[in-house]
Amino acid sequence: MFLKKNTYPFRPLLEGVSMRPLSFGEKTILCEFKLEKGHKLPAHSHPYEQTGYLISGMLNFRIAEEWFSANPGDSWCIAENVEHEVEILEDAVVFELFSPVRLDYLP
């Protein structure tokens, strides 16, 4: 599969959070997220391993019981079923890979 940059449009997930799939296969999906300053991704967990890379902006992450400050170029991997949350300190762009494929994120 090869896809051009704007193959799929962004769609809202939560207030201040939008996402679009970039590419996907049988075992993974790569997504781009736009996050708006001042919003938050509330504490949650899911049955997907989640690996991310911060392109721009600043975030505060809680993964399990530990908080991290994320700056452009930082990355993370969150194991399946581990609770996490995010505070959006600046408008941000994030690329994240999920495995297995999140069916709710498919176009």
PDB file of N, CA and C in Angstrom:
ATOM      1  N   MET A   1       0.846  -1.182   0.000  1.00  0.00           N
ATOM      2  CA  MET A   1       0.000   0.000   0.000  1.00  0.00           C
ATOM      3  C   MET A   1       0.888   1.241   0.000  1.00  0.00           C
ATOM      4  N   PHE A   2       0.547   2.192  -0.825  1.00  0.00           N
ATOM      5  CA  PHE A   2       1.209   3.499  -0.851  1.00  0.00           C
ATOM      6  C   PHE A   2       0.115   4.546  -0.900  1.00  0.00           C
ATOM      7  N   LEU A   3       0.175   5.511  -0.002  1.00  0.00           N
ATOM      8  CA  LEU A   3      -0.850   6.551   0.060  1.00  0.00           C
ATOM      9  C   LEU A   3      -0.203   7.926   0.027  1.00  0.00           C
ATOM     10  N   LYS A   4      -0.831   8.858  -0.666  1.00  0.00           N
ATOM     11  CA  LYS A   4      -0.396  10.252  -0.679  1.00  0.00           C
ATOM     12  C   LYS A   4      -0.815  10.937   0.618  1.00  0.00           C
ATOM     13  N   LYS A   5      -0.149  12.024   0.938  1.00  0.00           N
ATOM     14  CA  LYS A   5      -0.326  12.727   2.204  1.00  0.00           C
ATOM     15  C   LYS A   5      -1.786  13.005   2.557  1.00  0.00           C
ATOM     16  N   ASN A   6      -2.559  13.497   1.644  1.00  0.00           N
ATOM     17  CA  ASN A   6      -3.927  13.911   1.968  1.00  0.00           C
ATOM     18  C   ASN A   6      -4.977  12.918   1.500  1.00  0.00           C
ATOM     19  N   THR A   7      -4.636  11.626   1.473  1.00  0.00           N
ATOM     20  CA  THR A   7      -5.597  10.614   1.039  1.00  0.00           C
ATOM     21  C   THR A   7      -6.845  10.630   1.912  1.00  0.00           C
ATOM     22  N   TYR A   8      -6.663  10.717   3.224  1.00  0.00           N
ATOM     23  CA  TYR A   8      -7.796  10.699   4.153  1.00  0.00           C
ATOM     24  C   TYR A   8      -7.838  12.010   4.931  1.00  0.00           C
ATOM     25  N   PRO A   9      -9.031  12.560   5.152  1.00  0.00           N
ATOM     26  CA  PRO A   9      -9.148  13.819   5.891  1.00  0.00           C
ATOM     27  C   PRO A   9      -9.040  13.599   7.401  1.00  0.00           C
ATOM     28  N   PHE A  10      -8.727  14.675   8.117  1.00  0.00           N
ATOM     29  CA  PHE A  10      -8.785  14.637   9.574  1.00  0.00           C
ATOM     30  C   PHE A  10     -10.238  14.532  10.002  1.00  0.00           C
ATOM     31  N   ARG A  11     -10.461  13.849  11.115  1.00  0.00           N
ATOM     32  CA  ARG A  11     -11.800  13.796  11.698  1.00  0.00           C
ATOM     33  C   ARG A  11     -11.675  13.995  13.205  1.00  0.00           C
ATOM     34  N   PRO A  12     -12.660  14.648  13.816  1.00  0.00           N
ATOM     35  CA  PRO A  12     -12.571  14.902  15.255  1.00  0.00           C
ATOM     36  C   PRO A  12     -12.761  13.617  16.055  1.00  0.00           C
ATOM     37  N   LEU A  13     -11.984  13.499  17.139  1.00  0.00           N
ATOM     38  CA  LEU A  13     -12.151  12.375  18.067  1.00  0.00           C
ATOM     39  C   LEU A  13     -12.724  12.861  19.387  1.00  0.00           C
ATOM     40  N   LEU A  14     -12.141  13.934  19.900  1.00  0.00           N
ATOM     41  CA  LEU A  14     -12.571  14.588  21.133  1.00  0.00           C
ATOM     42  C   LEU A  14     -12.440  16.083  20.899  1.00  0.00           C
ATOM     43  N   GLU A  15     -12.985  16.887  21.792  1.00  0.00           N
ATOM     44  CA  GLU A  15     -12.784  18.326  21.667  1.00  0.00           C
ATOM     45  C   GLU A  15     -11.290  18.617  21.715  1.00  0.00           C
ATOM     46  N   GLY A  16     -10.780  19.293  20.682  1.00  0.00           N
ATOM     47  CA  GLY A  16      -9.374  19.650  20.624  1.00  0.00           C
ATOM     48  C   GLY A  16      -8.461  18.568  20.083  1.00  0.00           C
ATOM     49  N   VAL A  17      -9.031  17.448  19.633  1.00  0.00           N
ATOM     50  CA  VAL A  17      -8.236  16.320  19.125  1.00  0.00           C
ATOM     51  C   VAL A  17      -8.831  15.831  17.812  1.00  0.00           C
ATOM     52  N   SER A  18      -8.015  15.855  16.744  1.00  0.00           N
ATOM     53  CA  SER A  18      -8.457  15.286  15.466  1.00  0.00           C
ATOM     54  C   SER A  18      -7.398  14.313  14.969  1.00  0.00           C
ATOM     55  N   MET A  19      -7.820  13.389  14.116  1.00  0.00           N
ATOM     56  CA  MET A  19      -6.962  12.296  13.675  1.00  0.00           C
ATOM     57  C   MET A  19      -7.275  11.949  12.233  1.00  0.00           C
ATOM     58  N   ARG A  20      -6.231  11.467  11.533  1.00  0.00           N
ATOM     59  CA  ARG A  20      -6.447  10.848  10.233  1.00  0.00           C
ATOM     60  C   ARG A  20      -5.505   9.655  10.110  1.00  0.00           C
ATOM     61  N   PRO A  21      -5.993   8.577   9.491  1.00  0.00           N
ATOM     62  CA  PRO A  21      -5.097   7.449   9.233  1.00  0.00           C
ATOM     63  C   PRO A  21      -4.142   7.817   8.106  1.00  0.00           C
ATOM     64  N   LEU A  22      -2.890   7.416   8.257  1.00  0.00           N
ATOM     65  CA  LEU A  22      -1.893   7.647   7.208  1.00  0.00           C
ATOM     66  C   LEU A  22      -1.682   6.393   6.373  1.00  0.00           C
ATOM     67  N   SER A  23      -1.583   5.245   7.047  1.00  0.00           N
ATOM     68  CA  SER A  23      -1.384   3.972   6.360  1.00  0.00           C
ATOM     69  C   SER A  23      -1.764   2.855   7.321  1.00  0.00           C
ATOM     70  N   PHE A  24      -2.137   1.718   6.774  1.00  0.00           N
ATOM     71  CA  PHE A  24      -2.517   0.595   7.632  1.00  0.00           C
ATOM     72  C   PHE A  24      -2.339  -0.706   6.869  1.00  0.00           C
ATOM     73  N   GLY A  25      -2.189  -1.767   7.632  1.00  0.00           N
ATOM     74  CA  GLY A  25      -2.045  -3.102   7.069  1.00  0.00           C
ATOM     75  C   GLY A  25      -2.827  -4.084   7.911  1.00  0.00           C
ATOM     76  N   GLU A  26      -2.396  -5.321   7.910  1.00  0.00           N
ATOM     77  CA  GLU A  26      -3.100  -6.350   8.671  1.00  0.00           C
ATOM     78  C   GLU A  26      -2.830  -6.260  10.169  1.00  0.00           C
ATOM     79  N   LYS A  27      -1.655  -5.720  10.566  1.00  0.00           N
ATOM     80  CA  LYS A  27      -1.270  -5.743  11.980  1.00  0.00           C
ATOM     81  C   LYS A  27      -1.067  -4.378  12.613  1.00  0.00           C
ATOM     82  N   THR A  28      -0.935  -3.317  11.808  1.00  0.00           N
ATOM     83  CA  THR A  28      -0.671  -1.988  12.363  1.00  0.00           C
ATOM     84  C   THR A  28      -1.454  -0.917  11.614  1.00  0.00           C
ATOM     85  N   ILE A  29      -1.634   0.212  12.299  1.00  0.00           N
ATOM     86  CA  ILE A  29      -2.184   1.411  11.667  1.00  0.00           C
ATOM     87  C   ILE A  29      -1.366   2.605  12.154  1.00  0.00           C
ATOM     88  N   LEU A  30      -0.965   3.460  11.214  1.00  0.00           N
ATOM     89  CA  LEU A  30      -0.218   4.679  11.511  1.00  0.00           C
ATOM     90  C   LEU A  30      -1.164   5.860  11.349  1.00  0.00           C
ATOM     91  N   CYS A  31      -1.227   6.713  12.382  1.00  0.00           N
ATOM     92  CA  CYS A  31      -2.156   7.841  12.379  1.00  0.00           C
ATOM     93  C   CYS A  31      -1.422   9.142  12.683  1.00  0.00           C
ATOM     94  N   GLU A  32      -1.974  10.230  12.159  1.00  0.00           N
ATOM     95  CA  GLU A  32      -1.506  11.575  12.488  1.00  0.00           C
ATOM     96  C   GLU A  32      -2.577  12.246  13.338  1.00  0.00           C
ATOM     97  N   PHE A  33      -2.153  12.847  14.443  1.00  0.00           N
ATOM     98  CA  PHE A  33      -3.065  13.536  15.347  1.00  0.00           C
ATOM     99  C   PHE A  33      -2.712  15.013  15.407  1.00  0.00           C
ATOM    100  N   LYS A  34      -3.740  15.858  15.412  1.00  0.00           N
ATOM    101  CA  LYS A  34      -3.582  17.283  15.703  1.00  0.00           C
ATOM    102  C   LYS A  34      -4.222  17.528  17.062  1.00  0.00           C
ATOM    103  N   LEU A  35      -3.445  18.118  17.956  1.00  0.00           N
ATOM    104  CA  LEU A  35      -3.881  18.349  19.327  1.00  0.00           C
ATOM    105  C   LEU A  35      -3.854  19.842  19.614  1.00  0.00           C
ATOM    106  N   GLU A  36      -4.941  20.363  20.177  1.00  0.00           N
ATOM    107  CA  GLU A  36      -5.051  21.795  20.429  1.00  0.00           C
ATOM    108  C   GLU A  36      -4.709  22.137  21.877  1.00  0.00           C
ATOM    109  N   LYS A  37      -3.891  23.174  22.015  1.00  0.00           N
ATOM    110  CA  LYS A  37      -3.450  23.662  23.323  1.00  0.00           C
ATOM    111  C   LYS A  37      -4.633  23.828  24.277  1.00  0.00           C
ATOM    112  N   GLY A  38      -4.404  23.414  25.525  1.00  0.00           N
ATOM    113  CA  GLY A  38      -5.404  23.607  26.564  1.00  0.00           C
ATOM    114  C   GLY A  38      -6.378  22.458  26.720  1.00  0.00           C
ATOM    115  N   HIS A  39      -6.367  21.513  25.802  1.00  0.00           N
ATOM    116  CA  HIS A  39      -7.250  20.357  25.906  1.00  0.00           C
ATOM    117  C   HIS A  39      -6.511  19.194  26.553  1.00  0.00           C
ATOM    118  N   LYS A  40      -7.237  18.120  26.786  1.00  0.00           N
ATOM    119  CA  LYS A  40      -6.672  16.971  27.483  1.00  0.00           C
ATOM    120  C   LYS A  40      -7.262  15.692  26.905  1.00  0.00           C
ATOM    121  N   LEU A  41      -6.441  14.662  26.809  1.00  0.00           N
ATOM    122  CA  LEU A  41      -6.937  13.318  26.539  1.00  0.00           C
ATOM    123  C   LEU A  41      -7.088  12.667  27.902  1.00  0.00           C
ATOM    124  N   PRO A  42      -8.320  12.397  28.335  1.00  0.00           N
ATOM    125  CA  PRO A  42      -8.522  11.891  29.690  1.00  0.00           C
ATOM    126  C   PRO A  42      -7.910  10.503  29.882  1.00  0.00           C
ATOM    127  N   ALA A  43      -7.731  10.140  31.136  1.00  0.00           N
ATOM    128  CA  ALA A  43      -7.169   8.833  31.472  1.00  0.00           C
ATOM    129  C   ALA A  43      -7.985   7.729  30.806  1.00  0.00           C
ATOM    130  N   HIS A  44      -7.273   6.813  30.158  1.00  0.00           N
ATOM    131  CA  HIS A  44      -7.918   5.692  29.477  1.00  0.00           C
ATOM    132  C   HIS A  44      -6.895   4.586  29.237  1.00  0.00           C
ATOM    133  N   SER A  45      -7.388   3.439  28.856  1.00  0.00           N
ATOM    134  CA  SER A  45      -6.531   2.337  28.427  1.00  0.00           C
ATOM    135  C   SER A  45      -7.255   1.620  27.299  1.00  0.00           C
ATOM    136  N   HIS A  46      -6.519   0.809  26.550  1.00  0.00           N
ATOM    137  CA  HIS A  46      -7.098   0.078  25.423  1.00  0.00           C
ATOM    138  C   HIS A  46      -6.232  -1.134  25.114  1.00  0.00           C
ATOM    139  N   PRO A  47      -6.762  -2.083  24.353  1.00  0.00           N
ATOM    140  CA  PRO A  47      -6.022  -3.321  24.074  1.00  0.00           C
ATOM    141  C   PRO A  47      -5.040  -3.204  22.915  1.00  0.00           C
ATOM    142  N   TYR A  48      -4.463  -2.016  22.718  1.00  0.00           N
ATOM    143  CA  TYR A  48      -3.528  -1.781  21.612  1.00  0.00           C
ATOM    144  C   TYR A  48      -2.189  -1.320  22.169  1.00  0.00           C
ATOM    145  N   GLU A  49      -1.088  -1.831  21.602  1.00  0.00           N
ATOM    146  CA  GLU A  49       0.211  -1.230  21.874  1.00  0.00           C
ATOM    147  C   GLU A  49       0.262   0.056  21.063  1.00  0.00           C
ATOM    148  N   GLN A  50       0.759   1.131  21.671  1.00  0.00           N
ATOM    149  CA  GLN A  50       0.723   2.463  21.062  1.00  0.00           C
ATOM    150  C   GLN A  50       2.120   3.064  21.093  1.00  0.00           C
ATOM    151  N   THR A  51       2.699   3.291  19.929  1.00  0.00           N
ATOM    152  CA  THR A  51       4.026   3.884  19.814  1.00  0.00           C
ATOM    153  C   THR A  51       3.880   5.235  19.132  1.00  0.00           C
ATOM    154  N   GLY A  52       4.438   6.284  19.740  1.00  0.00           N
ATOM    155  CA  GLY A  52       4.239   7.620  19.207  1.00  0.00           C
ATOM    156  C   GLY A  52       5.513   8.422  19.077  1.00  0.00           C
ATOM    157  N   TYR A  53       5.414   9.482  18.262  1.00  0.00           N
ATOM    158  CA  TYR A  53       6.522  10.405  18.004  1.00  0.00           C
ATOM    159  C   TYR A  53       5.943  11.811  17.922  1.00  0.00           C
ATOM    160  N   LEU A  54       6.470  12.728  18.727  1.00  0.00           N
ATOM    161  CA  LEU A  54       5.986  14.106  18.744  1.00  0.00           C
ATOM    162  C   LEU A  54       6.707  14.916  17.672  1.00  0.00           C
ATOM    163  N   ILE A  55       5.950  15.371  16.678  1.00  0.00           N
ATOM    164  CA  ILE A  55       6.487  16.172  15.577  1.00  0.00           C
ATOM    165  C   ILE A  55       6.677  17.622  16.025  1.00  0.00           C
ATOM    166  N   SER A  56       5.647  18.184  16.657  1.00  0.00           N
ATOM    167  CA  SER A  56       5.715  19.577  17.102  1.00  0.00           C
ATOM    168  C   SER A  56       4.823  19.761  18.320  1.00  0.00           C
ATOM    169  N   GLY A  57       5.099  20.821  19.086  1.00  0.00           N
ATOM    170  CA  GLY A  57       4.306  21.123  20.267  1.00  0.00           C
ATOM    171  C   GLY A  57       4.929  20.576  21.538  1.00  0.00           C
ATOM    172  N   MET A  58       4.176  20.700  22.630  1.00  0.00           N
ATOM    173  CA  MET A  58       4.614  20.191  23.935  1.00  0.00           C
ATOM    174  C   MET A  58       3.441  19.511  24.621  1.00  0.00           C
ATOM    175  N   LEU A  59       3.737  18.368  25.252  1.00  0.00           N
ATOM    176  CA  LEU A  59       2.717  17.578  25.936  1.00  0.00           C
ATOM    177  C   LEU A  59       3.237  17.139  27.300  1.00  0.00           C
ATOM    178  N   ASN A  60       2.326  16.939  28.244  1.00  0.00           N
ATOM    179  CA  ASN A  60       2.616  16.210  29.473  1.00  0.00           C
ATOM    180  C   ASN A  60       1.868  14.890  29.391  1.00  0.00           C
ATOM    181  N   PHE A  61       2.594  13.792  29.579  1.00  0.00           N
ATOM    182  CA  PHE A  61       2.040  12.445  29.511  1.00  0.00           C
ATOM    183  C   PHE A  61       2.041  11.807  30.888  1.00  0.00           C
ATOM    184  N   ARG A  62       1.001  11.075  31.188  1.00  0.00           N
ATOM    185  CA  ARG A  62       1.055  10.134  32.303  1.00  0.00           C
ATOM    186  C   ARG A  62       0.904   8.747  31.707  1.00  0.00           C
ATOM    187  N   ILE A  63       1.894   7.897  31.943  1.00  0.00           N
ATOM    188  CA  ILE A  63       1.850   6.497  31.533  1.00  0.00           C
ATOM    189  C   ILE A  63       1.954   5.680  32.808  1.00  0.00           C
ATOM    190  N   ALA A  64       0.911   4.929  33.116  1.00  0.00           N
ATOM    191  CA  ALA A  64       0.793   4.219  34.389  1.00  0.00           C
ATOM    192  C   ALA A  64       0.850   5.268  35.498  1.00  0.00           C
ATOM    193  N   GLU A  65       1.838   5.224  36.372  1.00  0.00           N
ATOM    194  CA  GLU A  65       1.921   6.171  37.493  1.00  0.00           C
ATOM    195  C   GLU A  65       2.970   7.257  37.286  1.00  0.00           C
ATOM    196  N   GLU A  66       3.610   7.300  36.124  1.00  0.00           N
ATOM    197  CA  GLU A  66       4.727   8.228  35.909  1.00  0.00           C
ATOM    198  C   GLU A  66       4.370   9.305  34.882  1.00  0.00           C
ATOM    199  N   TRP A  67       4.753  10.560  35.187  1.00  0.00           N
ATOM    200  CA  TRP A  67       4.538  11.689  34.282  1.00  0.00           C
ATOM    201  C   TRP A  67       5.804  11.980  33.487  1.00  0.00           C
ATOM    202  N   PHE A  68       5.626  12.376  32.221  1.00  0.00           N
ATOM    203  CA  PHE A  68       6.730  12.718  31.331  1.00  0.00           C
ATOM    204  C   PHE A  68       6.400  14.019  30.610  1.00  0.00           C
ATOM    205  N   SER A  69       7.399  14.860  30.381  1.00  0.00           N
ATOM    206  CA  SER A  69       7.259  16.042  29.531  1.00  0.00           C
ATOM    207  C   SER A  69       7.765  15.668  28.148  1.00  0.00           C
ATOM    208  N   ALA A  70       6.933  15.874  27.125  1.00  0.00           N
ATOM    209  CA  ALA A  70       7.309  15.507  25.754  1.00  0.00           C
ATOM    210  C   ALA A  70       7.541  16.759  24.925  1.00  0.00           C
ATOM    211  N   ASN A  71       8.675  16.785  24.227  1.00  0.00           N
ATOM    212  CA  ASN A  71       9.062  17.860  23.322  1.00  0.00           C
ATOM    213  C   ASN A  71       9.272  17.279  21.930  1.00  0.00           C
ATOM    214  N   PRO A  72       9.299  18.123  20.891  1.00  0.00           N
ATOM    215  CA  PRO A  72       9.492  17.606  19.531  1.00  0.00           C
ATOM    216  C   PRO A  72      10.710  16.679  19.442  1.00  0.00           C
ATOM    217  N   GLY A  73      10.500  15.547  18.794  1.00  0.00           N
ATOM    218  CA  GLY A  73      11.547  14.542  18.656  1.00  0.00           C
ATOM    219  C   GLY A  73      11.482  13.441  19.697  1.00  0.00           C
ATOM    220  N   ASP A  74      10.681  13.639  20.758  1.00  0.00           N
ATOM    221  CA  ASP A  74      10.533  12.598  21.776  1.00  0.00           C
ATOM    222  C   ASP A  74       9.571  11.521  21.280  1.00  0.00           C
ATOM    223  N   SER A  75       9.739  10.322  21.819  1.00  0.00           N
ATOM    224  CA  SER A  75       8.882   9.202  21.422  1.00  0.00           C
ATOM    225  C   SER A  75       8.519   8.371  22.645  1.00  0.00           C
ATOM    226  N   TRP A  76       7.546   7.484  22.479  1.00  0.00           N
ATOM    227  CA  TRP A  76       7.062   6.667  23.587  1.00  0.00           C
ATOM    228  C   TRP A  76       6.465   5.381  23.041  1.00  0.00           C
ATOM    229  N   CYS A  77       6.340   4.423  23.929  1.00  0.00           N
ATOM    230  CA  CYS A  77       5.623   3.188  23.626  1.00  0.00           C
ATOM    231  C   CYS A  77       4.815   2.829  24.863  1.00  0.00           C
ATOM    232  N   ILE A  78       3.515   2.693  24.683  1.00  0.00           N
ATOM    233  CA  ILE A  78       2.604   2.385  25.778  1.00  0.00           C
ATOM    234  C   ILE A  78       2.073   0.973  25.541  1.00  0.00           C
ATOM    235  N   ALA A  79       2.308   0.096  26.498  1.00  0.00           N
ATOM    236  CA  ALA A  79       1.856  -1.291  26.363  1.00  0.00           C
ATOM    237  C   ALA A  79       0.331  -1.356  26.397  1.00  0.00           C
ATOM    238  N   GLU A  80      -0.196  -2.424  25.855  1.00  0.00           N
ATOM    239  CA  GLU A  80      -1.646  -2.609  25.851  1.00  0.00           C
ATOM    240  C   GLU A  80      -2.179  -2.619  27.283  1.00  0.00           C
ATOM    241  N   ASN A  81      -3.372  -2.059  27.447  1.00  0.00           N
ATOM    242  CA  ASN A  81      -4.104  -2.035  28.715  1.00  0.00           C
ATOM    243  C   ASN A  81      -3.424  -1.239  29.833  1.00  0.00           C
ATOM    244  N   VAL A  82      -2.471  -0.367  29.500  1.00  0.00           N
ATOM    245  CA  VAL A  82      -1.840   0.504  30.497  1.00  0.00           C
ATOM    246  C   VAL A  82      -2.542   1.860  30.454  1.00  0.00           C
ATOM    247  N   GLU A  83      -3.004   2.322  31.611  1.00  0.00           N
ATOM    248  CA  GLU A  83      -3.706   3.603  31.660  1.00  0.00           C
ATOM    249  C   GLU A  83      -2.739   4.741  31.355  1.00  0.00           C
ATOM    250  N   HIS A  84      -3.239   5.716  30.587  1.00  0.00           N
ATOM    251  CA  HIS A  84      -2.437   6.883  30.228  1.00  0.00           C
ATOM    252  C   HIS A  84      -3.355   8.066  29.966  1.00  0.00           C
ATOM    253  N   GLU A  85      -2.771   9.274  30.021  1.00  0.00           N
ATOM    254  CA  GLU A  85      -3.505  10.508  29.735  1.00  0.00           C
ATOM    255  C   GLU A  85      -2.513  11.544  29.236  1.00  0.00           C
ATOM    256  N   VAL A  86      -3.042  12.588  28.596  1.00  0.00           N
ATOM    257  CA  VAL A  86      -2.176  13.610  28.002  1.00  0.00           C
ATOM    258  C   VAL A  86      -2.760  14.992  28.267  1.00  0.00           C
ATOM    259  N   GLU A  87      -1.896  15.909  28.704  1.00  0.00           N
ATOM    260  CA  GLU A  87      -2.225  17.330  28.791  1.00  0.00           C
ATOM    261  C   GLU A  87      -1.535  18.022  27.625  1.00  0.00           C
ATOM    262  N   ILE A  88      -2.280  18.806  26.853  1.00  0.00           N
ATOM    263  CA  ILE A  88      -1.741  19.456  25.655  1.00  0.00           C
ATOM    264  C   ILE A  88      -1.323  20.878  26.032  1.00  0.00           C
ATOM    265  N   LEU A  89      -0.009  21.097  26.123  1.00  0.00           N
ATOM    266  CA  LEU A  89       0.531  22.384  26.572  1.00  0.00           C
ATOM    267  C   LEU A  89       0.672  23.386  25.435  1.00  0.00           C
ATOM    268  N   GLU A  90       0.887  22.901  24.215  1.00  0.00           N
ATOM    269  CA  GLU A  90       0.970  23.720  23.000  1.00  0.00           C
ATOM    270  C   GLU A  90       0.287  22.946  21.884  1.00  0.00           C
ATOM    271  N   ASP A  91      -0.207  23.662  20.866  1.00  0.00           N
ATOM    272  CA  ASP A  91      -0.703  22.954  19.689  1.00  0.00           C
ATOM    273  C   ASP A  91       0.353  21.942  19.270  1.00  0.00           C
ATOM    274  N   ALA A  92      -0.074  20.731  18.943  1.00  0.00           N
ATOM    275  CA  ALA A  92       0.889  19.659  18.693  1.00  0.00           C
ATOM    276  C   ALA A  92       0.457  18.796  17.518  1.00  0.00           C
ATOM    277  N   VAL A  93       1.456  18.170  16.896  1.00  0.00           N
ATOM    278  CA  VAL A  93       1.247  17.150  15.866  1.00  0.00           C
ATOM    279  C   VAL A  93       1.996  15.905  16.318  1.00  0.00           C
ATOM    280  N   VAL A  94       1.298  14.778  16.285  1.00  0.00           N
ATOM    281  CA  VAL A  94       1.840  13.506  16.752  1.00  0.00           C
ATOM    282  C   VAL A  94       1.574  12.435  15.705  1.00  0.00           C
ATOM    283  N   PHE A  95       2.560  11.579  15.457  1.00  0.00           N
ATOM    284  CA  PHE A  95       2.359  10.360  14.668  1.00  0.00           C
ATOM    285  C   PHE A  95       2.320   9.205  15.657  1.00  0.00           C
ATOM    286  N   GLU A  96       1.313   8.328  15.521  1.00  0.00           N
ATOM    287  CA  GLU A  96       1.220   7.174  16.409  1.00  0.00           C
ATOM    288  C   GLU A  96       0.883   5.923  15.615  1.00  0.00           C
ATOM    289  N   LEU A  97       1.499   4.831  16.050  1.00  0.00           N
ATOM    290  CA  LEU A  97       1.309   3.517  15.457  1.00  0.00           C
ATOM    291  C   LEU A  97       0.600   2.646  16.483  1.00  0.00           C
ATOM    292  N   PHE A  98      -0.452   1.956  16.063  1.00  0.00           N
ATOM    293  CA  PHE A  98      -1.205   1.074  16.945  1.00  0.00           C
ATOM    294  C   PHE A  98      -1.157  -0.350  16.409  1.00  0.00           C
ATOM    295  N   SER A  99      -1.024  -1.297  17.339  1.00  0.00           N
ATOM    296  CA  SER A  99      -1.060  -2.713  16.984  1.00  0.00           C
ATOM    297  C   SER A  99      -1.791  -3.467  18.089  1.00  0.00           C
ATOM    298  N   PRO A 100      -2.769  -4.306  17.733  1.00  0.00           N
ATOM    299  CA  PRO A 100      -3.272  -4.531  16.384  1.00  0.00           C
ATOM    300  C   PRO A 100      -3.989  -3.295  15.848  1.00  0.00           C
ATOM    301  N   VAL A 101      -4.441  -3.386  14.626  1.00  0.00           N
ATOM    302  CA  VAL A 101      -5.121  -2.269  13.959  1.00  0.00           C
ATOM    303  C   VAL A 101      -6.342  -1.838  14.772  1.00  0.00           C
ATOM    304  N   ARG A 102      -6.454  -0.541  14.993  1.00  0.00           N
ATOM    305  CA  ARG A 102      -7.664   0.014  15.610  1.00  0.00           C
ATOM    306  C   ARG A 102      -8.718   0.148  14.528  1.00  0.00           C
ATOM    307  N   LEU A 103      -9.703  -0.705  14.564  1.00  0.00           N
ATOM    308  CA  LEU A 103     -10.744  -0.681  13.538  1.00  0.00           C
ATOM    309  C   LEU A 103     -11.511   0.631  13.560  1.00  0.00           C
ATOM    310  N   ASP A 104     -11.629   1.254  14.743  1.00  0.00           N
ATOM    311  CA  ASP A 104     -12.351   2.523  14.847  1.00  0.00           C
ATOM    312  C   ASP A 104     -11.586   3.679  14.210  1.00  0.00           C
ATOM    313  N   TYR A 105     -10.324   3.483  13.859  1.00  0.00           N
ATOM    314  CA  TYR A 105      -9.528   4.517  13.205  1.00  0.00           C
ATOM    315  C   TYR A 105      -9.403   4.307  11.698  1.00  0.00           C
ATOM    316  N   LEU A 106      -9.901   3.204  11.188  1.00  0.00           N
ATOM    317  CA  LEU A 106      -9.847   2.970   9.740  1.00  0.00           C
ATOM    318  C   LEU A 106     -10.747   3.958   9.010  1.00  0.00           C
ATOM    319  N   PRO A 107     -10.385   4.300   7.767  1.00  0.00           N
ATOM    320  CA  PRO A 107     -11.233   5.235   7.008  1.00  0.00           C
ATOM    321  C   PRO A 107     -12.589   4.628   6.671  1.00  0.00           C
TER     322      PRO A 107
END
